[in-house]
């Protein structure tokens, strides 16, 4: 499933996805840091920084090979200090039965390999509460279908209905804030 070309394409587009995720957390980080008084040297900022994390193309290739053999999720990154999670997922022949949406969670999805169909937007029908700030619906009036293929990226803002159907196989990267954050 993962070949040199798809890894190269992933490495070209992954920085875009990572940069886009910064927009998700920028306002939260600004709000959290607002009460702090900036020091002239910035040493306090450096000492509080979380360690960097690098995922090499070899590491990601190994992850994709493992997920091809056993589809599911690989939670690449979750942090309490930065409200973001990065999840590499492979699905085969899987379709959501219901739409979902979240009060305080945005999603950025980038297709690494394969294809999947997203249905997004509209007005929910048959709504049920799944938890604080989380809902499901049996249908959506006026939703739009988007067939996503390798290299495509989609931003699903908080409050947007969405569901995914994968007829064959798809590997994608999901970048989102991990828990409902109030808007």
N, C-alpha and C. Protein backbone atom coordinates (compact mmCIF):
# COMPACT_ATOMS: atom_id res chain seq x y z
N UNK A 1 0.83 -1.19 0.00
CA UNK A 1 0.00 0.00 0.00
C UNK A 1 0.87 1.25 0.00
N UNK A 2 1.86 1.30 0.89
CA UNK A 2 2.71 2.49 0.94
C UNK A 2 3.92 2.26 0.05
N UNK A 3 4.09 3.11 -0.95
CA UNK A 3 5.27 3.00 -1.79
C UNK A 3 6.06 4.30 -1.68
N UNK A 4 7.20 4.33 -2.35
CA UNK A 4 8.04 5.51 -2.24
C UNK A 4 7.33 6.77 -2.71
N UNK A 5 6.52 6.65 -3.75
CA UNK A 5 5.80 7.82 -4.28
C UNK A 5 4.81 8.36 -3.25
N UNK A 6 4.04 7.46 -2.60
CA UNK A 6 3.05 7.95 -1.63
C UNK A 6 3.73 8.54 -0.41
N UNK A 7 4.87 7.98 0.00
CA UNK A 7 5.61 8.56 1.13
C UNK A 7 6.12 9.94 0.75
N UNK A 8 6.63 10.07 -0.48
CA UNK A 8 7.14 11.36 -0.93
C UNK A 8 6.01 12.38 -0.95
N UNK A 9 4.85 11.98 -1.48
CA UNK A 9 3.70 12.90 -1.52
C UNK A 9 3.26 13.26 -0.11
N UNK A 10 3.29 12.26 0.80
CA UNK A 10 2.92 12.54 2.18
C UNK A 10 3.86 13.56 2.78
N UNK A 11 5.15 13.36 2.57
CA UNK A 11 6.12 14.27 3.16
C UNK A 11 6.02 15.68 2.58
N UNK A 12 5.54 15.78 1.34
CA UNK A 12 5.34 17.11 0.74
C UNK A 12 4.15 17.82 1.36
N UNK A 13 3.11 17.05 1.70
CA UNK A 13 1.87 17.68 2.16
C UNK A 13 1.72 17.70 3.67
N UNK A 14 2.46 16.86 4.39
CA UNK A 14 2.33 16.81 5.85
C UNK A 14 2.63 18.15 6.51
N UNK A 15 3.65 18.91 6.04
CA UNK A 15 3.87 20.21 6.67
C UNK A 15 2.68 21.16 6.53
N UNK A 16 1.95 21.04 5.43
CA UNK A 16 0.76 21.88 5.24
C UNK A 16 -0.28 21.52 6.29
N UNK A 17 -0.48 20.21 6.50
CA UNK A 17 -1.45 19.77 7.50
C UNK A 17 -1.03 20.21 8.89
N UNK A 18 0.24 20.08 9.18
CA UNK A 18 0.73 20.48 10.50
C UNK A 18 0.56 21.99 10.70
N UNK A 19 0.88 22.76 9.68
CA UNK A 19 0.73 24.22 9.78
C UNK A 19 -0.74 24.59 9.96
N UNK A 20 -1.60 23.89 9.24
CA UNK A 20 -3.03 24.19 9.36
C UNK A 20 -3.53 23.88 10.77
N UNK A 21 -2.97 22.83 11.39
CA UNK A 21 -3.42 22.50 12.75
C UNK A 21 -3.06 23.59 13.74
N UNK A 22 -2.03 24.35 13.45
CA UNK A 22 -1.67 25.43 14.35
C UNK A 22 -2.78 26.46 14.47
N UNK A 23 -3.52 26.66 13.39
CA UNK A 23 -4.64 27.60 13.43
C UNK A 23 -5.70 27.13 14.41
N UNK A 24 -5.84 25.79 14.55
CA UNK A 24 -6.83 25.26 15.48
C UNK A 24 -6.51 25.62 16.92
N UNK A 25 -5.24 25.65 17.25
CA UNK A 25 -4.84 25.85 18.63
C UNK A 25 -4.36 27.26 18.94
N UNK A 26 -4.19 28.07 17.91
CA UNK A 26 -3.63 29.40 18.10
C UNK A 26 -4.42 30.21 19.11
N UNK A 27 -5.74 30.23 18.97
CA UNK A 27 -6.54 31.04 19.90
C UNK A 27 -6.51 30.45 21.29
N UNK A 28 -6.50 29.12 21.42
CA UNK A 28 -6.44 28.50 22.74
C UNK A 28 -5.10 28.78 23.42
N UNK A 29 -4.03 28.67 22.66
CA UNK A 29 -2.71 28.94 23.23
C UNK A 29 -2.57 30.41 23.62
N UNK A 30 -3.08 31.31 22.77
CA UNK A 30 -3.01 32.73 23.08
C UNK A 30 -3.76 33.04 24.35
N UNK A 31 -4.92 32.45 24.49
CA UNK A 31 -5.73 32.68 25.68
C UNK A 31 -5.03 32.15 26.92
N UNK A 32 -4.39 30.98 26.80
CA UNK A 32 -3.72 30.38 27.95
C UNK A 32 -2.48 31.19 28.36
N UNK A 33 -1.83 31.81 27.39
CA UNK A 33 -0.61 32.54 27.67
C UNK A 33 -0.85 34.02 27.96
N UNK A 34 -2.05 34.50 27.76
CA UNK A 34 -2.34 35.92 27.91
C UNK A 34 -1.99 36.47 29.30
N UNK A 35 -2.31 35.75 30.39
CA UNK A 35 -2.01 36.33 31.69
C UNK A 35 -0.51 36.43 31.98
N UNK A 36 0.30 35.60 31.35
CA UNK A 36 1.74 35.62 31.60
C UNK A 36 2.36 36.90 31.04
N UNK A 37 3.30 37.43 31.77
CA UNK A 37 4.03 38.61 31.32
C UNK A 37 5.27 38.13 30.57
N UNK A 38 5.46 38.59 29.35
CA UNK A 38 6.61 38.17 28.55
C UNK A 38 7.89 38.74 29.15
N UNK A 39 8.90 37.87 29.25
CA UNK A 39 10.19 38.35 29.75
C UNK A 39 10.98 38.91 28.58
N UNK A 40 11.94 39.75 28.90
CA UNK A 40 12.75 40.38 27.85
C UNK A 40 13.59 39.36 27.10
N UNK A 41 14.12 38.34 27.79
CA UNK A 41 15.01 37.38 27.13
C UNK A 41 14.26 36.24 26.46
N UNK A 42 13.05 35.94 26.88
CA UNK A 42 12.29 34.83 26.33
C UNK A 42 12.73 33.48 26.88
N UNK A 43 13.66 33.46 27.84
CA UNK A 43 14.17 32.20 28.40
C UNK A 43 13.06 31.39 29.06
N UNK A 44 12.07 32.07 29.66
CA UNK A 44 10.98 31.35 30.29
C UNK A 44 10.16 30.57 29.26
N UNK A 45 10.02 31.12 28.07
CA UNK A 45 9.29 30.44 27.00
C UNK A 45 10.06 29.21 26.55
N UNK A 46 11.37 29.35 26.37
CA UNK A 46 12.21 28.22 25.95
C UNK A 46 12.17 27.11 26.99
N UNK A 47 12.25 27.45 28.27
CA UNK A 47 12.27 26.43 29.31
C UNK A 47 10.93 25.72 29.44
N UNK A 48 9.85 26.36 29.03
CA UNK A 48 8.52 25.75 29.12
C UNK A 48 8.13 24.98 27.87
N UNK A 49 8.96 25.05 26.83
CA UNK A 49 8.61 24.40 25.56
C UNK A 49 8.58 22.88 25.71
N UNK A 50 7.62 22.26 25.03
CA UNK A 50 7.58 20.79 25.00
C UNK A 50 8.62 20.30 24.01
N UNK A 51 9.14 19.09 24.20
CA UNK A 51 10.15 18.58 23.27
C UNK A 51 9.58 18.43 21.85
N UNK A 52 10.45 18.62 20.86
CA UNK A 52 10.01 18.41 19.49
C UNK A 52 9.78 16.92 19.27
N UNK A 53 9.05 16.61 18.24
CA UNK A 53 8.85 15.21 17.88
C UNK A 53 8.97 15.10 16.37
N UNK A 54 9.76 14.15 15.92
CA UNK A 54 9.98 13.91 14.50
C UNK A 54 9.45 12.53 14.14
N UNK A 55 8.68 12.47 13.07
CA UNK A 55 8.25 11.20 12.50
C UNK A 55 8.95 11.09 11.15
N UNK A 56 9.90 10.20 11.04
CA UNK A 56 10.61 10.05 9.77
C UNK A 56 9.72 9.33 8.78
N UNK A 57 10.07 9.44 7.51
CA UNK A 57 9.30 8.73 6.48
C UNK A 57 9.36 7.23 6.73
N UNK A 58 10.49 6.74 7.25
CA UNK A 58 10.62 5.30 7.56
C UNK A 58 9.66 4.92 8.67
N UNK A 59 9.59 5.74 9.74
CA UNK A 59 8.67 5.47 10.84
C UNK A 59 7.22 5.44 10.35
N UNK A 60 6.85 6.45 9.57
CA UNK A 60 5.47 6.53 9.07
C UNK A 60 5.19 5.38 8.10
N UNK A 61 6.18 5.02 7.28
CA UNK A 61 6.02 3.88 6.38
C UNK A 61 5.78 2.59 7.15
N UNK A 62 6.54 2.39 8.23
CA UNK A 62 6.33 1.21 9.07
C UNK A 62 4.95 1.22 9.71
N UNK A 63 4.51 2.40 10.15
CA UNK A 63 3.17 2.52 10.72
C UNK A 63 2.10 2.18 9.69
N UNK A 64 2.27 2.68 8.48
CA UNK A 64 1.28 2.41 7.43
C UNK A 64 1.26 0.93 7.06
N UNK A 65 2.43 0.27 7.05
CA UNK A 65 2.49 -1.16 6.76
C UNK A 65 1.75 -1.94 7.84
N UNK A 66 1.98 -1.57 9.09
CA UNK A 66 1.30 -2.24 10.20
C UNK A 66 -0.21 -2.02 10.13
N UNK A 67 -0.64 -0.81 9.78
CA UNK A 67 -2.07 -0.52 9.68
C UNK A 67 -2.70 -1.21 8.48
N UNK A 68 -1.94 -1.42 7.42
CA UNK A 68 -2.47 -2.15 6.26
C UNK A 68 -2.77 -3.59 6.65
N UNK A 69 -1.92 -4.18 7.50
CA UNK A 69 -2.12 -5.55 7.95
C UNK A 69 -3.26 -5.65 8.96
N UNK A 70 -3.38 -4.63 9.80
CA UNK A 70 -4.43 -4.61 10.84
C UNK A 70 -5.00 -3.20 10.90
N UNK A 71 -6.04 -2.90 10.11
CA UNK A 71 -6.61 -1.55 10.07
C UNK A 71 -7.03 -1.06 11.45
N UNK A 72 -6.90 0.25 11.62
CA UNK A 72 -7.27 0.89 12.88
C UNK A 72 -6.56 2.23 12.99
N UNK A 73 -6.35 2.65 14.23
CA UNK A 73 -5.75 3.96 14.52
C UNK A 73 -4.38 3.79 15.13
N UNK A 74 -3.50 4.71 14.79
CA UNK A 74 -2.22 4.85 15.48
C UNK A 74 -2.16 6.29 15.95
N UNK A 75 -2.32 6.48 17.23
CA UNK A 75 -2.30 7.84 17.80
C UNK A 75 -0.85 8.30 17.86
N UNK A 76 -0.46 9.09 16.87
CA UNK A 76 0.92 9.54 16.76
C UNK A 76 1.27 10.56 17.82
N UNK A 77 0.32 11.41 18.18
CA UNK A 77 0.62 12.49 19.11
C UNK A 77 -0.62 12.91 19.85
N UNK A 78 -0.51 12.96 21.17
CA UNK A 78 -1.54 13.54 22.02
C UNK A 78 -0.83 14.27 23.14
N UNK A 79 -1.29 15.45 23.47
CA UNK A 79 -0.60 16.25 24.46
C UNK A 79 -1.61 17.00 25.31
N UNK A 80 -1.25 17.16 26.57
CA UNK A 80 -2.08 17.98 27.45
C UNK A 80 -1.63 19.44 27.39
N UNK A 81 -0.35 19.66 27.03
CA UNK A 81 0.15 21.03 27.00
C UNK A 81 -0.24 21.76 25.71
N UNK A 82 -0.38 21.02 24.62
CA UNK A 82 -0.85 21.59 23.35
C UNK A 82 -2.14 20.86 23.01
N UNK A 83 -3.26 21.52 22.94
CA UNK A 83 -4.52 20.81 22.70
C UNK A 83 -4.66 20.35 21.25
N UNK A 84 -3.88 19.32 20.89
CA UNK A 84 -3.95 18.78 19.54
C UNK A 84 -3.62 17.29 19.59
N UNK A 85 -4.22 16.54 18.69
CA UNK A 85 -3.88 15.14 18.51
C UNK A 85 -3.69 14.88 17.02
N UNK A 86 -2.79 13.94 16.73
CA UNK A 86 -2.52 13.53 15.35
C UNK A 86 -2.70 12.02 15.31
N UNK A 87 -3.58 11.56 14.44
CA UNK A 87 -3.90 10.14 14.37
C UNK A 87 -3.76 9.67 12.92
N UNK A 88 -3.00 8.60 12.73
CA UNK A 88 -2.88 7.93 11.43
C UNK A 88 -3.86 6.77 11.45
N UNK A 89 -4.74 6.70 10.45
CA UNK A 89 -5.80 5.68 10.43
C UNK A 89 -5.85 4.98 9.09
N UNK A 90 -6.08 3.68 9.12
CA UNK A 90 -6.38 2.91 7.91
C UNK A 90 -7.73 2.24 8.14
N UNK A 91 -8.60 2.34 7.14
CA UNK A 91 -9.92 1.69 7.17
C UNK A 91 -10.07 0.86 5.91
N UNK A 92 -10.77 -0.25 6.04
CA UNK A 92 -11.12 -1.07 4.89
C UNK A 92 -12.60 -1.41 5.00
N UNK A 93 -13.33 -1.14 3.93
CA UNK A 93 -14.76 -1.47 3.85
C UNK A 93 -15.50 -1.07 5.12
N UNK A 94 -15.48 0.20 5.43
CA UNK A 94 -16.11 0.69 6.66
C UNK A 94 -16.94 1.93 6.34
N UNK A 95 -18.16 1.93 6.83
CA UNK A 95 -19.04 3.07 6.60
C UNK A 95 -19.75 3.46 7.89
N UNK A 96 -19.72 4.75 8.20
CA UNK A 96 -20.43 5.25 9.37
C UNK A 96 -21.93 5.17 9.11
N UNK A 97 -22.67 4.78 10.11
CA UNK A 97 -24.12 4.70 9.96
C UNK A 97 -24.80 6.01 10.30
N UNK A 98 -24.09 6.88 11.03
CA UNK A 98 -24.69 8.13 11.45
C UNK A 98 -23.73 9.30 11.21
N UNK A 99 -24.31 10.48 11.09
CA UNK A 99 -23.52 11.71 11.05
C UNK A 99 -23.11 12.04 12.48
N UNK A 100 -22.01 12.73 12.62
CA UNK A 100 -21.60 13.24 13.93
C UNK A 100 -21.20 14.69 13.79
N UNK A 101 -21.21 15.41 14.90
CA UNK A 101 -20.68 16.77 14.94
C UNK A 101 -20.34 17.10 16.38
N UNK A 102 -19.50 18.12 16.52
CA UNK A 102 -18.92 18.44 17.81
C UNK A 102 -19.01 19.94 18.08
N UNK A 103 -19.27 20.29 19.31
CA UNK A 103 -19.36 21.69 19.69
C UNK A 103 -17.99 22.36 19.64
N UNK A 104 -16.95 21.66 20.05
CA UNK A 104 -15.66 22.32 20.19
C UNK A 104 -14.51 21.56 19.58
N UNK A 105 -14.73 20.80 18.52
CA UNK A 105 -13.64 20.05 17.90
C UNK A 105 -13.64 20.28 16.40
N UNK A 106 -12.49 20.72 15.89
CA UNK A 106 -12.28 20.87 14.46
C UNK A 106 -11.48 19.66 13.98
N UNK A 107 -11.64 19.29 12.71
CA UNK A 107 -10.87 18.19 12.12
C UNK A 107 -10.16 18.68 10.86
N UNK A 108 -8.93 18.26 10.70
CA UNK A 108 -8.24 18.38 9.42
C UNK A 108 -7.92 16.95 9.00
N UNK A 109 -8.38 16.56 7.83
CA UNK A 109 -8.18 15.20 7.33
C UNK A 109 -7.38 15.30 6.04
N UNK A 110 -6.31 14.51 5.96
CA UNK A 110 -5.55 14.43 4.72
C UNK A 110 -5.44 12.96 4.31
N UNK A 111 -5.79 12.69 3.06
CA UNK A 111 -5.74 11.32 2.54
C UNK A 111 -4.31 11.01 2.12
N UNK A 112 -3.75 9.95 2.69
CA UNK A 112 -2.40 9.52 2.40
C UNK A 112 -2.41 8.49 1.27
N UNK A 113 -3.41 7.59 1.29
CA UNK A 113 -3.51 6.55 0.26
C UNK A 113 -4.97 6.10 0.19
N UNK A 114 -5.40 5.70 -0.99
CA UNK A 114 -6.77 5.21 -1.17
C UNK A 114 -7.76 6.34 -1.36
N UNK A 115 -9.02 6.04 -1.06
CA UNK A 115 -10.07 7.05 -1.19
C UNK A 115 -11.20 6.76 -0.22
N UNK A 116 -11.96 7.81 0.08
CA UNK A 116 -13.11 7.69 0.96
C UNK A 116 -14.12 8.78 0.60
N UNK A 117 -15.36 8.56 0.94
CA UNK A 117 -16.43 9.52 0.67
C UNK A 117 -16.85 10.18 1.98
N UNK A 118 -16.76 11.49 2.02
CA UNK A 118 -17.25 12.26 3.17
C UNK A 118 -18.57 12.89 2.79
N UNK A 119 -19.52 12.84 3.70
CA UNK A 119 -20.76 13.60 3.59
C UNK A 119 -20.67 14.66 4.68
N UNK A 120 -20.78 15.93 4.30
CA UNK A 120 -20.59 17.02 5.25
C UNK A 120 -21.71 18.05 5.15
N UNK A 121 -21.98 18.70 6.28
CA UNK A 121 -22.92 19.80 6.32
C UNK A 121 -24.37 19.37 6.40
N UNK A 122 -25.24 20.33 6.21
CA UNK A 122 -26.66 20.09 6.23
C UNK A 122 -27.28 20.29 7.60
N UNK A 123 -28.54 19.88 7.69
CA UNK A 123 -29.33 19.99 8.91
C UNK A 123 -29.61 18.59 9.44
N UNK A 124 -29.31 18.33 10.72
CA UNK A 124 -29.47 16.97 11.23
C UNK A 124 -30.92 16.54 11.35
N UNK A 125 -31.16 15.24 11.15
CA UNK A 125 -32.46 14.62 11.40
C UNK A 125 -32.20 13.40 12.29
N UNK A 126 -33.09 13.14 13.22
CA UNK A 126 -32.92 12.02 14.13
C UNK A 126 -31.73 12.20 15.06
N UNK A 127 -31.70 13.34 15.75
CA UNK A 127 -30.57 13.72 16.59
C UNK A 127 -30.59 13.01 17.93
N UNK A 128 -29.37 12.64 18.41
CA UNK A 128 -29.22 12.13 19.77
C UNK A 128 -27.92 12.65 20.37
N UNK A 129 -27.95 12.92 21.66
CA UNK A 129 -26.79 13.42 22.40
C UNK A 129 -25.89 12.24 22.73
N UNK A 130 -24.60 12.38 22.43
CA UNK A 130 -23.63 11.31 22.71
C UNK A 130 -22.81 11.63 23.96
N UNK A 131 -22.77 12.88 24.34
CA UNK A 131 -21.99 13.34 25.49
C UNK A 131 -21.94 14.85 25.44
N UNK A 132 -21.25 15.47 26.38
CA UNK A 132 -21.17 16.93 26.37
C UNK A 132 -20.53 17.44 25.08
N UNK A 133 -21.29 18.23 24.32
CA UNK A 133 -20.78 18.82 23.09
C UNK A 133 -20.61 17.87 21.93
N UNK A 134 -21.21 16.66 22.00
CA UNK A 134 -21.09 15.64 20.95
C UNK A 134 -22.48 15.10 20.59
N UNK A 135 -22.79 15.08 19.28
CA UNK A 135 -24.09 14.61 18.82
C UNK A 135 -23.94 13.66 17.64
N UNK A 136 -24.94 12.82 17.45
CA UNK A 136 -25.07 11.98 16.26
C UNK A 136 -26.45 12.22 15.67
N UNK A 137 -26.60 11.94 14.37
CA UNK A 137 -27.89 12.06 13.70
C UNK A 137 -28.01 10.93 12.68
N UNK A 138 -29.21 10.42 12.53
CA UNK A 138 -29.43 9.34 11.56
C UNK A 138 -29.37 9.85 10.12
N UNK A 139 -29.58 11.16 9.93
CA UNK A 139 -29.54 11.73 8.59
C UNK A 139 -29.18 13.20 8.60
N UNK A 140 -29.03 13.74 7.40
CA UNK A 140 -28.74 15.17 7.25
C UNK A 140 -29.40 15.65 5.97
N UNK A 141 -30.25 16.66 6.10
CA UNK A 141 -30.89 17.26 4.94
C UNK A 141 -29.96 18.33 4.38
N UNK A 142 -29.61 18.18 3.11
CA UNK A 142 -28.78 19.18 2.45
C UNK A 142 -27.28 18.97 2.60
N UNK A 143 -26.85 17.77 2.98
CA UNK A 143 -25.41 17.52 3.09
C UNK A 143 -24.79 17.44 1.70
N UNK A 144 -23.47 17.62 1.66
CA UNK A 144 -22.72 17.58 0.41
C UNK A 144 -21.78 16.38 0.44
N UNK A 145 -21.68 15.64 -0.67
CA UNK A 145 -20.79 14.49 -0.76
C UNK A 145 -19.47 14.92 -1.41
N UNK A 146 -18.36 14.51 -0.79
CA UNK A 146 -17.03 14.83 -1.30
C UNK A 146 -16.23 13.54 -1.37
N UNK A 147 -15.84 13.14 -2.57
CA UNK A 147 -14.98 11.97 -2.74
C UNK A 147 -13.54 12.44 -2.59
N UNK A 148 -12.88 11.96 -1.56
CA UNK A 148 -11.49 12.37 -1.30
C UNK A 148 -10.54 11.27 -1.75
N UNK A 149 -9.49 11.68 -2.44
CA UNK A 149 -8.47 10.75 -2.93
C UNK A 149 -7.10 11.16 -2.41
N UNK A 150 -6.13 10.33 -2.65
CA UNK A 150 -4.76 10.54 -2.18
C UNK A 150 -4.30 11.97 -2.43
N UNK A 151 -3.83 12.61 -1.36
CA UNK A 151 -3.33 13.98 -1.45
C UNK A 151 -4.35 15.04 -1.06
N UNK A 152 -5.65 14.72 -1.09
CA UNK A 152 -6.69 15.69 -0.74
C UNK A 152 -6.66 15.98 0.77
N UNK A 153 -7.05 17.21 1.12
CA UNK A 153 -7.14 17.61 2.52
C UNK A 153 -8.47 18.33 2.72
N UNK A 154 -9.10 18.09 3.85
CA UNK A 154 -10.41 18.66 4.16
C UNK A 154 -10.39 19.21 5.58
N UNK A 155 -10.88 20.43 5.75
CA UNK A 155 -11.08 21.03 7.07
C UNK A 155 -12.56 20.92 7.39
N UNK A 156 -12.88 20.29 8.52
CA UNK A 156 -14.25 20.18 8.99
C UNK A 156 -14.34 21.00 10.28
N UNK A 157 -14.89 22.22 10.18
CA UNK A 157 -14.97 23.08 11.37
C UNK A 157 -15.95 22.52 12.40
N UNK A 158 -15.72 22.89 13.64
CA UNK A 158 -16.63 22.48 14.72
C UNK A 158 -18.06 22.84 14.35
N UNK A 159 -18.99 21.98 14.74
CA UNK A 159 -20.41 22.22 14.47
C UNK A 159 -20.86 21.75 13.09
N UNK A 160 -19.96 21.17 12.29
CA UNK A 160 -20.30 20.70 10.94
C UNK A 160 -20.58 19.20 10.98
N UNK A 161 -21.77 18.81 10.52
CA UNK A 161 -22.10 17.39 10.43
C UNK A 161 -21.14 16.71 9.45
N UNK A 162 -20.75 15.46 9.76
CA UNK A 162 -19.88 14.71 8.86
C UNK A 162 -19.98 13.22 9.13
N UNK A 163 -19.79 12.46 8.05
CA UNK A 163 -19.66 11.01 8.17
C UNK A 163 -18.84 10.52 6.99
N UNK A 164 -18.19 9.38 7.19
CA UNK A 164 -17.24 8.86 6.20
C UNK A 164 -17.64 7.45 5.81
N UNK A 165 -17.52 7.15 4.50
CA UNK A 165 -17.76 5.81 3.98
C UNK A 165 -16.59 5.41 3.11
N UNK A 166 -16.00 4.26 3.42
CA UNK A 166 -14.85 3.77 2.67
C UNK A 166 -15.24 2.44 2.03
N UNK A 167 -15.36 2.44 0.71
CA UNK A 167 -15.77 1.25 -0.01
C UNK A 167 -14.64 0.23 -0.09
N UNK A 168 -13.40 0.68 -0.30
CA UNK A 168 -12.27 -0.23 -0.42
C UNK A 168 -11.32 -0.01 0.76
N UNK A 169 -10.34 0.87 0.59
CA UNK A 169 -9.35 1.11 1.63
C UNK A 169 -8.90 2.57 1.58
N UNK A 170 -8.60 3.12 2.76
CA UNK A 170 -8.08 4.48 2.86
C UNK A 170 -7.14 4.57 4.05
N UNK A 171 -6.07 5.33 3.88
CA UNK A 171 -5.19 5.69 4.99
C UNK A 171 -5.18 7.21 5.03
N UNK A 172 -5.45 7.77 6.21
CA UNK A 172 -5.51 9.22 6.33
C UNK A 172 -4.91 9.67 7.65
N UNK A 173 -4.55 10.95 7.66
CA UNK A 173 -4.05 11.61 8.85
C UNK A 173 -5.16 12.52 9.35
N UNK A 174 -5.48 12.42 10.64
CA UNK A 174 -6.45 13.30 11.27
C UNK A 174 -5.73 14.16 12.29
N UNK A 175 -5.91 15.46 12.16
CA UNK A 175 -5.35 16.41 13.11
C UNK A 175 -6.54 17.16 13.71
N UNK A 176 -6.65 17.11 15.03
CA UNK A 176 -7.77 17.79 15.69
C UNK A 176 -7.40 18.11 17.13
N UNK A 177 -8.22 18.95 17.75
CA UNK A 177 -8.09 19.11 19.18
C UNK A 177 -8.80 17.91 19.81
N UNK A 178 -8.21 17.31 20.85
CA UNK A 178 -8.66 16.01 21.32
C UNK A 178 -9.96 15.98 22.10
N UNK A 179 -10.35 17.06 22.71
CA UNK A 179 -11.57 17.04 23.52
C UNK A 179 -12.34 18.31 23.21
N UNK A 180 -13.65 18.26 23.45
CA UNK A 180 -14.42 19.46 23.17
C UNK A 180 -13.84 20.68 23.88
N UNK A 181 -13.55 21.68 23.08
CA UNK A 181 -13.08 22.97 23.61
C UNK A 181 -14.15 23.99 23.29
N UNK A 182 -14.56 24.72 24.26
CA UNK A 182 -15.62 25.70 24.03
C UNK A 182 -15.17 26.74 23.03
N UNK A 183 -16.07 27.09 22.13
CA UNK A 183 -15.75 28.07 21.07
C UNK A 183 -15.60 29.45 21.65
